[in-house]
N, C-alpha and C. Protein backbone atom coordinates (compact mmCIF):
# COMPACT_ATOMS: atom_id res chain seq x y z
N MET A 1 16.96 31.60 2.31
CA MET A 1 15.70 30.86 1.91
C MET A 1 16.02 29.34 1.97
N PRO A 2 15.16 28.47 2.69
CA PRO A 2 15.44 27.07 2.77
C PRO A 2 15.22 26.40 1.50
N ARG A 3 16.07 25.39 1.27
CA ARG A 3 15.96 24.54 0.10
C ARG A 3 14.84 23.53 0.20
N ILE A 4 14.30 23.14 -0.90
CA ILE A 4 13.32 22.05 -0.83
C ILE A 4 14.14 20.81 -1.06
N ARG A 5 13.85 19.74 -0.09
CA ARG A 5 14.61 18.48 -0.05
C ARG A 5 13.66 17.38 -0.63
N TYR A 6 14.26 16.50 -1.27
CA TYR A 6 13.57 15.26 -1.73
C TYR A 6 13.79 14.26 -0.57
N ASN A 7 13.04 14.47 0.50
CA ASN A 7 13.26 13.83 1.83
C ASN A 7 12.95 12.45 1.91
N ALA A 8 12.01 11.89 1.15
CA ALA A 8 11.59 10.50 1.21
C ALA A 8 11.60 9.92 -0.22
N PRO A 9 12.76 9.53 -0.72
CA PRO A 9 12.83 9.20 -2.13
C PRO A 9 11.87 8.05 -2.65
N VAL A 10 11.65 7.10 -1.81
CA VAL A 10 10.75 6.05 -2.23
C VAL A 10 9.32 6.50 -2.18
N ILE A 11 8.81 7.13 -1.26
CA ILE A 11 7.50 7.65 -1.16
C ILE A 11 7.21 8.67 -2.15
N LEU A 12 8.15 9.67 -2.33
CA LEU A 12 7.92 10.70 -3.34
C LEU A 12 7.95 10.17 -4.74
N THR A 13 8.83 9.27 -5.00
CA THR A 13 8.86 8.69 -6.41
C THR A 13 7.69 7.91 -6.67
N PHE A 14 7.24 7.08 -5.60
CA PHE A 14 5.96 6.36 -5.82
C PHE A 14 4.82 7.25 -6.06
N ALA A 15 4.69 8.40 -5.39
CA ALA A 15 3.63 9.41 -5.60
C ALA A 15 3.69 10.03 -7.02
N LEU A 16 4.91 10.39 -7.39
CA LEU A 16 5.07 10.99 -8.65
C LEU A 16 4.80 10.02 -9.81
N VAL A 17 5.26 8.77 -9.65
CA VAL A 17 4.98 7.77 -10.77
C VAL A 17 3.46 7.56 -10.80
N SER A 18 2.79 7.43 -9.66
CA SER A 18 1.29 7.26 -9.72
C SER A 18 0.64 8.38 -10.31
N LEU A 19 1.06 9.66 -10.01
CA LEU A 19 0.50 10.78 -10.64
C LEU A 19 0.68 10.81 -12.15
N ALA A 20 1.87 10.45 -12.57
CA ALA A 20 2.24 10.39 -14.02
C ALA A 20 1.33 9.32 -14.64
N VAL A 21 1.14 8.11 -14.06
CA VAL A 21 0.26 7.12 -14.60
C VAL A 21 -1.15 7.64 -14.77
N PHE A 22 -1.54 8.39 -13.78
CA PHE A 22 -2.95 8.92 -13.72
C PHE A 22 -3.10 9.90 -14.87
N GLY A 23 -2.01 10.78 -15.09
CA GLY A 23 -2.19 11.74 -16.17
C GLY A 23 -2.14 11.09 -17.45
N LEU A 24 -1.21 10.13 -17.70
CA LEU A 24 -1.17 9.44 -18.93
C LEU A 24 -2.43 8.65 -19.22
N ASP A 25 -3.07 8.02 -18.21
CA ASP A 25 -4.33 7.39 -18.25
C ASP A 25 -5.41 8.38 -18.81
N ALA A 26 -5.45 9.49 -18.16
CA ALA A 26 -6.51 10.45 -18.51
C ALA A 26 -6.22 11.00 -19.97
N LEU A 27 -5.03 11.16 -20.42
CA LEU A 27 -4.72 11.58 -21.78
C LEU A 27 -5.12 10.51 -22.81
N THR A 28 -5.14 9.31 -22.46
CA THR A 28 -5.41 8.18 -23.38
C THR A 28 -6.80 7.68 -23.33
N GLY A 29 -7.65 8.41 -22.62
CA GLY A 29 -9.02 7.99 -22.41
C GLY A 29 -9.12 6.74 -21.57
N HIS A 30 -8.31 6.64 -20.60
CA HIS A 30 -8.30 5.53 -19.65
C HIS A 30 -7.98 4.16 -20.27
N ALA A 31 -7.03 4.22 -21.17
CA ALA A 31 -6.62 2.96 -21.82
C ALA A 31 -5.36 2.39 -21.22
N VAL A 32 -4.63 3.14 -20.42
CA VAL A 32 -3.29 2.70 -19.96
C VAL A 32 -3.50 1.89 -18.56
N SER A 33 -4.25 2.42 -17.64
CA SER A 33 -4.27 1.81 -16.34
C SER A 33 -4.89 0.42 -16.36
N PRO A 34 -6.03 0.27 -17.07
CA PRO A 34 -6.58 -1.18 -17.05
C PRO A 34 -5.66 -2.23 -17.73
N ARG A 35 -4.88 -1.70 -18.65
CA ARG A 35 -3.91 -2.60 -19.39
C ARG A 35 -2.73 -2.93 -18.66
N PHE A 36 -2.10 -2.00 -18.09
CA PHE A 36 -0.76 -2.13 -17.43
C PHE A 36 -0.72 -1.95 -15.95
N PHE A 37 -1.71 -1.27 -15.33
CA PHE A 37 -1.68 -0.90 -13.93
C PHE A 37 -2.86 -1.46 -13.10
N ALA A 38 -3.28 -2.67 -13.46
CA ALA A 38 -4.36 -3.37 -12.73
C ALA A 38 -4.02 -4.82 -12.70
N ALA A 39 -4.16 -5.35 -11.48
CA ALA A 39 -3.86 -6.81 -11.44
C ALA A 39 -5.16 -7.63 -11.75
N PRO A 40 -4.91 -8.67 -12.53
CA PRO A 40 -6.00 -9.42 -12.98
C PRO A 40 -6.62 -10.37 -11.98
N PRO A 41 -7.82 -10.79 -12.14
CA PRO A 41 -8.48 -11.77 -11.25
C PRO A 41 -8.07 -13.18 -11.38
N ASP A 42 -7.11 -13.43 -12.25
CA ASP A 42 -6.46 -14.73 -12.46
C ASP A 42 -5.01 -14.63 -12.72
N LEU A 43 -4.32 -15.74 -12.54
CA LEU A 43 -2.84 -15.64 -12.73
C LEU A 43 -2.57 -16.38 -14.01
N ALA A 44 -2.40 -15.62 -15.09
CA ALA A 44 -2.05 -16.29 -16.52
C ALA A 44 -0.51 -16.40 -16.35
N LEU A 45 -0.05 -17.54 -15.84
CA LEU A 45 1.35 -17.65 -15.54
C LEU A 45 2.26 -17.67 -16.77
N THR A 46 1.74 -17.82 -17.97
CA THR A 46 2.57 -17.84 -19.15
C THR A 46 2.69 -16.40 -19.69
N SER A 47 2.05 -15.45 -19.14
CA SER A 47 2.10 -14.05 -19.60
C SER A 47 3.04 -13.20 -18.66
N PRO A 48 4.13 -12.68 -19.25
CA PRO A 48 5.00 -11.84 -18.47
C PRO A 48 4.33 -10.62 -17.98
N LEU A 49 3.19 -10.17 -18.65
CA LEU A 49 2.46 -8.96 -18.15
C LEU A 49 1.78 -9.22 -16.86
N THR A 50 1.31 -10.43 -16.61
CA THR A 50 0.73 -10.88 -15.32
C THR A 50 1.65 -10.61 -14.18
N TYR A 51 2.94 -11.01 -14.30
CA TYR A 51 3.93 -10.81 -13.22
C TYR A 51 4.24 -9.32 -13.01
N ALA A 52 4.23 -8.49 -13.99
CA ALA A 52 4.49 -7.11 -13.93
C ALA A 52 3.24 -6.45 -13.25
N ARG A 53 2.07 -6.77 -13.61
CA ARG A 53 0.89 -6.27 -13.01
C ARG A 53 0.74 -6.50 -11.46
N LEU A 54 1.34 -7.61 -11.04
CA LEU A 54 1.31 -7.91 -9.60
C LEU A 54 1.98 -6.80 -8.80
N LEU A 55 2.89 -6.11 -9.50
CA LEU A 55 3.58 -5.02 -8.77
C LEU A 55 3.03 -3.68 -9.26
N THR A 56 2.79 -3.50 -10.48
CA THR A 56 2.40 -2.08 -10.99
C THR A 56 1.05 -1.72 -10.73
N HIS A 57 0.12 -2.67 -10.28
CA HIS A 57 -1.30 -2.23 -10.02
C HIS A 57 -1.39 -1.19 -8.92
N ILE A 58 -0.36 -1.05 -8.09
CA ILE A 58 -0.39 -0.05 -7.11
C ILE A 58 -0.28 1.37 -7.58
N ALA A 59 0.22 1.53 -8.84
CA ALA A 59 0.35 2.87 -9.40
C ALA A 59 -0.86 3.27 -10.08
N GLY A 60 -1.73 2.38 -10.39
CA GLY A 60 -3.06 2.71 -11.21
C GLY A 60 -4.13 3.11 -10.22
N HIS A 61 -4.92 4.14 -10.64
CA HIS A 61 -6.04 4.53 -9.78
C HIS A 61 -7.21 4.90 -10.68
N SER A 62 -8.42 4.59 -10.18
CA SER A 62 -9.66 4.67 -10.97
C SER A 62 -10.14 6.08 -11.07
N GLY A 63 -9.63 7.00 -10.32
CA GLY A 63 -10.12 8.42 -10.35
C GLY A 63 -9.33 9.28 -9.42
N TRP A 64 -9.54 10.55 -9.56
CA TRP A 64 -8.78 11.57 -8.80
C TRP A 64 -8.99 11.24 -7.22
N ALA A 65 -10.23 11.08 -6.83
CA ALA A 65 -10.49 10.90 -5.43
C ALA A 65 -9.80 9.63 -4.89
N HIS A 66 -9.77 8.51 -5.73
CA HIS A 66 -9.03 7.27 -5.41
C HIS A 66 -7.57 7.65 -5.13
N LEU A 67 -6.87 8.34 -6.08
CA LEU A 67 -5.54 8.64 -6.00
C LEU A 67 -5.26 9.54 -4.81
N VAL A 68 -6.04 10.60 -4.59
CA VAL A 68 -5.81 11.58 -3.49
C VAL A 68 -6.01 10.88 -2.19
N GLY A 69 -7.08 10.03 -2.10
CA GLY A 69 -7.34 9.33 -0.77
C GLY A 69 -6.21 8.52 -0.41
N ASN A 70 -5.63 7.74 -1.30
CA ASN A 70 -4.45 6.86 -0.99
C ASN A 70 -3.26 7.65 -0.66
N PHE A 71 -2.94 8.62 -1.45
CA PHE A 71 -1.62 9.37 -1.26
C PHE A 71 -1.69 10.41 -0.13
N THR A 72 -2.90 10.77 0.30
CA THR A 72 -2.90 11.58 1.45
C THR A 72 -2.33 10.78 2.65
N ILE A 73 -2.82 9.53 2.77
CA ILE A 73 -2.23 8.69 3.80
C ILE A 73 -0.76 8.38 3.57
N ILE A 74 -0.41 8.02 2.35
CA ILE A 74 0.89 7.55 2.08
C ILE A 74 1.95 8.71 2.30
N LEU A 75 1.57 9.91 1.86
CA LEU A 75 2.48 11.00 1.93
C LEU A 75 2.56 11.52 3.38
N LEU A 76 1.51 11.23 4.26
CA LEU A 76 1.58 11.61 5.62
C LEU A 76 2.40 10.66 6.43
N VAL A 77 2.14 9.38 6.23
CA VAL A 77 2.81 8.27 7.08
C VAL A 77 4.14 7.84 6.46
N GLY A 78 4.16 7.77 5.17
CA GLY A 78 5.38 7.13 4.50
C GLY A 78 6.70 7.77 4.77
N PRO A 79 6.86 9.10 4.76
CA PRO A 79 8.14 9.61 5.05
C PRO A 79 8.70 9.33 6.44
N ILE A 80 7.83 9.31 7.45
CA ILE A 80 8.22 8.96 8.75
C ILE A 80 8.75 7.49 8.80
N LEU A 81 8.08 6.63 8.15
CA LEU A 81 8.48 5.17 8.11
C LEU A 81 9.73 5.01 7.31
N GLU A 82 9.85 5.80 6.23
CA GLU A 82 11.07 5.72 5.33
C GLU A 82 12.26 6.14 6.19
N GLU A 83 12.12 7.19 6.91
CA GLU A 83 13.26 7.68 7.77
C GLU A 83 13.57 6.68 8.88
N ARG A 84 12.52 6.04 9.41
CA ARG A 84 12.75 5.08 10.54
C ARG A 84 13.34 3.74 10.09
N HIS A 85 12.91 3.25 8.91
CA HIS A 85 13.24 1.99 8.45
C HIS A 85 14.26 1.92 7.33
N GLY A 86 14.38 2.98 6.64
CA GLY A 86 15.24 3.12 5.51
C GLY A 86 14.55 3.00 4.17
N SER A 87 15.12 3.63 3.07
CA SER A 87 14.39 3.60 1.88
C SER A 87 14.34 2.13 1.27
N ARG A 88 15.46 1.42 1.34
CA ARG A 88 15.45 0.09 0.73
C ARG A 88 14.50 -0.79 1.45
N ALA A 89 14.50 -0.79 2.78
CA ALA A 89 13.51 -1.73 3.46
C ALA A 89 12.12 -1.36 3.22
N LEU A 90 11.78 0.02 3.13
CA LEU A 90 10.40 0.40 2.81
C LEU A 90 9.93 0.07 1.34
N LEU A 91 10.97 0.15 0.53
CA LEU A 91 10.69 -0.26 -0.97
C LEU A 91 10.32 -1.79 -0.97
N VAL A 92 11.04 -2.59 -0.20
CA VAL A 92 10.75 -4.03 -0.23
C VAL A 92 9.43 -4.33 0.40
N MET A 93 9.10 -3.60 1.43
CA MET A 93 7.85 -3.78 2.11
C MET A 93 6.66 -3.38 1.18
N ILE A 94 6.83 -2.37 0.37
CA ILE A 94 5.73 -1.87 -0.57
C ILE A 94 5.61 -2.96 -1.68
N ALA A 95 6.82 -3.46 -2.16
CA ALA A 95 6.75 -4.43 -3.24
C ALA A 95 6.12 -5.79 -2.77
N ILE A 96 6.51 -6.21 -1.58
CA ILE A 96 5.87 -7.42 -1.01
C ILE A 96 4.40 -7.26 -0.80
N THR A 97 3.98 -6.13 -0.32
CA THR A 97 2.57 -5.79 -0.15
C THR A 97 1.80 -5.81 -1.52
N ALA A 98 2.39 -5.21 -2.47
CA ALA A 98 1.82 -5.14 -3.88
C ALA A 98 1.62 -6.57 -4.36
N VAL A 99 2.66 -7.32 -4.31
CA VAL A 99 2.60 -8.74 -4.90
C VAL A 99 1.54 -9.50 -4.06
N ALA A 100 1.70 -9.43 -2.81
CA ALA A 100 0.73 -10.20 -1.91
C ALA A 100 -0.76 -9.85 -2.20
N THR A 101 -0.96 -8.55 -2.39
CA THR A 101 -2.37 -8.15 -2.72
C THR A 101 -2.75 -8.63 -4.07
N GLY A 102 -1.82 -8.49 -5.07
CA GLY A 102 -2.21 -9.03 -6.45
C GLY A 102 -2.48 -10.54 -6.49
N VAL A 103 -1.65 -11.28 -5.76
CA VAL A 103 -1.86 -12.73 -5.71
C VAL A 103 -3.15 -13.11 -4.88
N ALA A 104 -3.35 -12.50 -3.80
CA ALA A 104 -4.56 -12.72 -2.97
C ALA A 104 -5.78 -12.40 -3.81
N ASN A 105 -5.75 -11.31 -4.56
CA ASN A 105 -6.82 -10.87 -5.39
C ASN A 105 -7.13 -12.00 -6.49
N ALA A 106 -6.03 -12.45 -7.11
CA ALA A 106 -6.26 -13.49 -8.20
C ALA A 106 -6.77 -14.80 -7.59
N LEU A 107 -6.43 -15.09 -6.34
CA LEU A 107 -6.89 -16.45 -5.80
C LEU A 107 -8.28 -16.27 -5.12
N LEU A 108 -8.68 -15.13 -4.65
CA LEU A 108 -9.87 -14.98 -3.85
C LEU A 108 -10.94 -14.12 -4.45
N SER A 109 -10.69 -13.48 -5.59
CA SER A 109 -11.64 -12.49 -6.19
C SER A 109 -11.81 -12.77 -7.65
N ASP A 110 -12.94 -12.27 -8.23
CA ASP A 110 -13.08 -12.30 -9.62
C ASP A 110 -13.14 -10.88 -10.29
N ALA A 111 -12.48 -9.99 -9.49
CA ALA A 111 -12.46 -8.61 -10.06
C ALA A 111 -11.00 -8.20 -10.23
N TRP A 112 -10.77 -7.22 -11.13
CA TRP A 112 -9.49 -6.58 -11.32
C TRP A 112 -9.20 -5.75 -10.07
N VAL A 113 -7.96 -5.56 -9.73
CA VAL A 113 -7.64 -4.64 -8.61
C VAL A 113 -6.60 -3.55 -9.02
N MET A 114 -6.81 -2.36 -8.61
CA MET A 114 -5.79 -1.31 -8.83
C MET A 114 -5.83 -0.37 -7.69
N GLY A 115 -4.73 0.36 -7.52
CA GLY A 115 -4.60 1.34 -6.50
C GLY A 115 -3.73 1.00 -5.41
N ALA A 116 -3.34 1.98 -4.55
CA ALA A 116 -2.35 1.80 -3.52
C ALA A 116 -2.99 1.69 -2.13
N SER A 117 -4.31 1.33 -2.01
CA SER A 117 -4.91 1.36 -0.73
C SER A 117 -4.30 0.24 0.11
N GLY A 118 -3.88 -0.91 -0.44
CA GLY A 118 -3.24 -1.88 0.37
C GLY A 118 -1.94 -1.42 0.92
N VAL A 119 -1.21 -0.67 0.16
CA VAL A 119 0.11 -0.10 0.67
C VAL A 119 -0.21 0.96 1.75
N ALA A 120 -1.30 1.76 1.51
CA ALA A 120 -1.65 2.75 2.54
C ALA A 120 -2.02 2.03 3.87
N PHE A 121 -2.82 0.98 3.79
CA PHE A 121 -3.10 0.27 4.98
C PHE A 121 -1.93 -0.36 5.68
N MET A 122 -0.98 -0.81 4.82
CA MET A 122 0.29 -1.41 5.37
C MET A 122 1.05 -0.38 6.18
N LEU A 123 1.15 0.79 5.60
CA LEU A 123 1.85 1.90 6.28
C LEU A 123 1.10 2.36 7.62
N ILE A 124 -0.21 2.38 7.58
CA ILE A 124 -0.96 2.86 8.74
C ILE A 124 -0.71 1.81 9.92
N VAL A 125 -0.76 0.56 9.55
CA VAL A 125 -0.62 -0.49 10.59
C VAL A 125 0.91 -0.56 11.06
N LEU A 126 1.81 -0.42 10.15
CA LEU A 126 3.23 -0.37 10.47
C LEU A 126 3.49 0.79 11.30
N ALA A 127 2.96 1.88 11.08
CA ALA A 127 3.24 3.10 11.95
C ALA A 127 2.72 2.87 13.30
N SER A 128 1.62 2.17 13.45
CA SER A 128 1.06 1.97 14.76
C SER A 128 1.93 1.06 15.58
N ARG A 129 2.86 0.31 15.03
CA ARG A 129 3.74 -0.62 15.63
C ARG A 129 5.11 0.02 15.86
N THR A 130 5.46 1.00 15.10
CA THR A 130 6.78 1.53 15.11
C THR A 130 7.06 2.30 16.42
N GLY A 131 8.19 2.07 17.03
CA GLY A 131 8.52 2.80 18.19
C GLY A 131 8.01 2.27 19.48
N SER A 132 7.45 1.08 19.35
CA SER A 132 6.86 0.47 20.61
C SER A 132 7.90 -0.37 21.29
N GLY A 133 7.67 -0.61 22.59
CA GLY A 133 8.61 -1.45 23.31
C GLY A 133 8.18 -2.91 23.15
N VAL A 134 8.44 -3.62 24.27
CA VAL A 134 8.07 -4.97 24.32
C VAL A 134 6.54 -5.18 24.39
N GLY A 135 6.00 -6.15 23.78
CA GLY A 135 4.52 -6.38 23.87
C GLY A 135 3.78 -5.81 22.68
N ILE A 136 2.51 -6.03 22.72
CA ILE A 136 1.66 -5.50 21.62
C ILE A 136 1.12 -4.14 22.04
N PRO A 137 1.51 -3.08 21.26
CA PRO A 137 1.03 -1.78 21.68
C PRO A 137 -0.53 -1.58 21.60
N LEU A 138 -1.13 -0.88 22.46
CA LEU A 138 -2.52 -0.59 22.43
C LEU A 138 -2.88 0.19 21.14
N THR A 139 -2.01 1.08 20.64
CA THR A 139 -2.19 1.79 19.42
C THR A 139 -2.41 0.84 18.21
N PHE A 140 -1.58 -0.15 18.25
CA PHE A 140 -1.66 -1.24 17.15
C PHE A 140 -3.08 -1.85 17.13
N ILE A 141 -3.52 -2.24 18.36
CA ILE A 141 -4.86 -2.85 18.44
C ILE A 141 -5.99 -1.87 17.95
N LEU A 142 -5.88 -0.61 18.42
CA LEU A 142 -6.88 0.37 18.17
C LEU A 142 -6.85 0.65 16.63
N VAL A 143 -5.70 0.81 16.04
CA VAL A 143 -5.65 1.02 14.59
C VAL A 143 -6.18 -0.15 13.90
N ALA A 144 -5.82 -1.28 14.24
CA ALA A 144 -6.36 -2.54 13.57
C ALA A 144 -7.91 -2.52 13.65
N PHE A 145 -8.44 -2.25 14.85
CA PHE A 145 -9.95 -2.19 15.01
C PHE A 145 -10.52 -1.07 14.19
N MET A 146 -9.97 0.09 14.17
CA MET A 146 -10.64 1.21 13.56
C MET A 146 -10.53 1.19 12.10
N PHE A 147 -9.40 0.65 11.51
CA PHE A 147 -9.26 0.69 10.00
C PHE A 147 -9.70 -0.64 9.45
N LEU A 148 -9.46 -1.84 10.10
CA LEU A 148 -9.81 -3.07 9.48
C LEU A 148 -11.22 -3.57 9.87
N GLY A 149 -11.70 -3.16 11.03
CA GLY A 149 -13.11 -3.51 11.50
C GLY A 149 -14.12 -3.10 10.38
N PRO A 150 -14.16 -1.82 10.01
CA PRO A 150 -15.09 -1.41 8.94
C PRO A 150 -14.95 -2.27 7.63
N GLU A 151 -13.69 -2.64 7.27
CA GLU A 151 -13.42 -3.36 6.09
C GLU A 151 -14.08 -4.75 6.15
N LEU A 152 -14.19 -5.31 7.32
CA LEU A 152 -14.80 -6.60 7.52
C LEU A 152 -16.32 -6.48 7.24
N VAL A 153 -16.90 -5.41 7.70
CA VAL A 153 -18.35 -5.17 7.42
C VAL A 153 -18.48 -4.82 6.00
N GLY A 154 -17.66 -4.00 5.44
CA GLY A 154 -17.71 -3.69 4.01
C GLY A 154 -17.50 -4.74 3.03
N ALA A 155 -16.89 -5.86 3.50
CA ALA A 155 -16.63 -6.96 2.68
C ALA A 155 -17.95 -7.65 2.08
N PHE A 156 -19.07 -7.42 2.78
CA PHE A 156 -20.30 -7.95 2.43
C PHE A 156 -21.20 -7.03 1.63
N ARG A 157 -20.66 -5.82 1.28
CA ARG A 157 -21.39 -4.89 0.45
C ARG A 157 -21.01 -4.97 -0.95
N GLU A 158 -21.76 -4.64 -1.85
CA GLU A 158 -21.50 -4.67 -3.30
C GLU A 158 -20.98 -3.18 -3.60
N ASP A 159 -19.66 -3.06 -3.66
CA ASP A 159 -19.07 -1.75 -4.03
C ASP A 159 -17.83 -1.99 -4.86
N LYS A 160 -17.19 -0.99 -5.25
CA LYS A 160 -16.04 -1.10 -6.08
C LYS A 160 -14.65 -0.99 -5.25
N ILE A 161 -14.87 -1.10 -3.90
CA ILE A 161 -13.65 -1.11 -3.04
C ILE A 161 -13.14 -2.38 -2.70
N SER A 162 -11.90 -2.64 -2.82
CA SER A 162 -11.25 -3.91 -2.57
C SER A 162 -10.93 -4.04 -1.10
N GLN A 163 -11.81 -4.48 -0.32
CA GLN A 163 -11.51 -4.72 1.12
C GLN A 163 -10.40 -5.70 1.25
N LEU A 164 -10.34 -6.71 0.30
CA LEU A 164 -9.31 -7.68 0.29
C LEU A 164 -7.88 -6.96 0.33
N ALA A 165 -7.73 -5.97 -0.54
CA ALA A 165 -6.45 -5.25 -0.62
C ALA A 165 -6.16 -4.59 0.77
N HIS A 166 -7.15 -4.08 1.41
CA HIS A 166 -6.98 -3.49 2.67
C HIS A 166 -6.58 -4.48 3.75
N PHE A 167 -7.25 -5.65 3.82
CA PHE A 167 -6.94 -6.68 4.73
C PHE A 167 -5.44 -7.14 4.50
N VAL A 168 -5.08 -7.40 3.21
CA VAL A 168 -3.75 -7.81 2.85
C VAL A 168 -2.73 -6.84 3.30
N GLY A 169 -3.03 -5.53 2.95
CA GLY A 169 -2.05 -4.50 3.40
C GLY A 169 -1.93 -4.41 4.91
N GLY A 170 -3.03 -4.49 5.67
CA GLY A 170 -2.97 -4.49 7.10
C GLY A 170 -2.26 -5.63 7.69
N PHE A 171 -2.49 -6.85 7.05
CA PHE A 171 -1.67 -7.96 7.46
C PHE A 171 -0.25 -7.90 7.24
N CYS A 172 0.13 -7.34 6.01
CA CYS A 172 1.54 -7.17 5.75
C CYS A 172 2.17 -6.09 6.75
N GLY A 173 1.48 -5.07 6.95
CA GLY A 173 1.98 -4.03 7.96
C GLY A 173 2.11 -4.56 9.28
N SER A 174 1.22 -5.47 9.79
CA SER A 174 1.37 -6.01 11.15
C SER A 174 2.57 -7.05 11.14
N VAL A 175 2.78 -7.80 10.12
CA VAL A 175 3.95 -8.71 9.99
C VAL A 175 5.19 -7.92 9.99
N PHE A 176 5.26 -6.97 9.11
CA PHE A 176 6.54 -6.13 9.05
C PHE A 176 6.72 -5.39 10.32
N GLY A 177 5.68 -4.92 11.01
CA GLY A 177 5.89 -4.22 12.25
C GLY A 177 6.52 -5.13 13.38
N PHE A 178 6.22 -6.38 13.38
CA PHE A 178 6.72 -7.24 14.36
C PHE A 178 8.10 -7.83 13.90
N ILE A 179 8.37 -7.88 12.62
CA ILE A 179 9.61 -8.48 12.18
C ILE A 179 10.70 -7.37 12.01
N VAL A 180 10.45 -6.26 11.42
CA VAL A 180 11.47 -5.27 11.10
C VAL A 180 11.50 -4.06 12.00
N ALA A 181 10.55 -3.92 12.85
CA ALA A 181 10.57 -2.71 13.72
C ALA A 181 11.75 -2.70 14.56
N PRO A 182 12.52 -1.70 14.51
CA PRO A 182 13.82 -1.57 15.31
C PRO A 182 13.38 -1.41 16.76
N PRO A 183 14.36 -1.78 17.64
CA PRO A 183 13.97 -1.63 19.07
C PRO A 183 13.79 -0.11 19.43
N SER A 184 12.88 0.07 20.41
CA SER A 184 12.61 1.41 20.76
C SER A 184 13.78 2.01 21.54
N ILE A 185 13.79 3.27 21.75
CA ILE A 185 14.86 4.03 22.54
C ILE A 185 14.85 3.41 23.95
N HIS A 186 13.68 3.15 24.51
CA HIS A 186 13.58 2.71 25.87
C HIS A 186 14.09 1.26 26.12
N GLU A 187 14.25 0.52 24.97
CA GLU A 187 14.71 -0.85 25.13
C GLU A 187 16.31 -0.89 25.11
N VAL A 188 16.88 0.14 24.47
CA VAL A 188 18.31 0.15 24.33
C VAL A 188 18.93 0.66 25.65
N THR A 189 19.86 -0.17 26.17
CA THR A 189 20.48 0.21 27.43
C THR A 189 21.99 0.23 27.34
């Protein structure tokens, strides 16, 4: 009988931590996530909690559908990217994306932000760049158009979705894709 492996430690730990935060939040009547796992719409630079929230907001989710929607993508794409780029590099990319999303939200929005959708978008865009050779891959262009195009239209609607987080995540994924993507097999001679 095959053993179960903890094959993507960063992605699996991120998913389990977010699930634990969601469970704790549910048990406390939703008192935990807004206080510790949501990035504020301002940067209170004298509060240590502000700095922590810039990172921890990606573990908080507003509901089960929000959590499942984000982690369906993260659990599908993340392990492939973790194997390709390594756990440490992926952890750094997730942290940078989280902080960039939190800072952008504080500078450009008047709403709190929580959830891992920025990270999910970063992974989607990064995956479209991974394994490509020289030049800009058509898959990268199509993914950017398909995932970020509707976000541009949605930015003008009144809803509770942070299109800004999606844009920041997509931007981070594209930057990471062009900076850290290892050369493809076809480039190595």
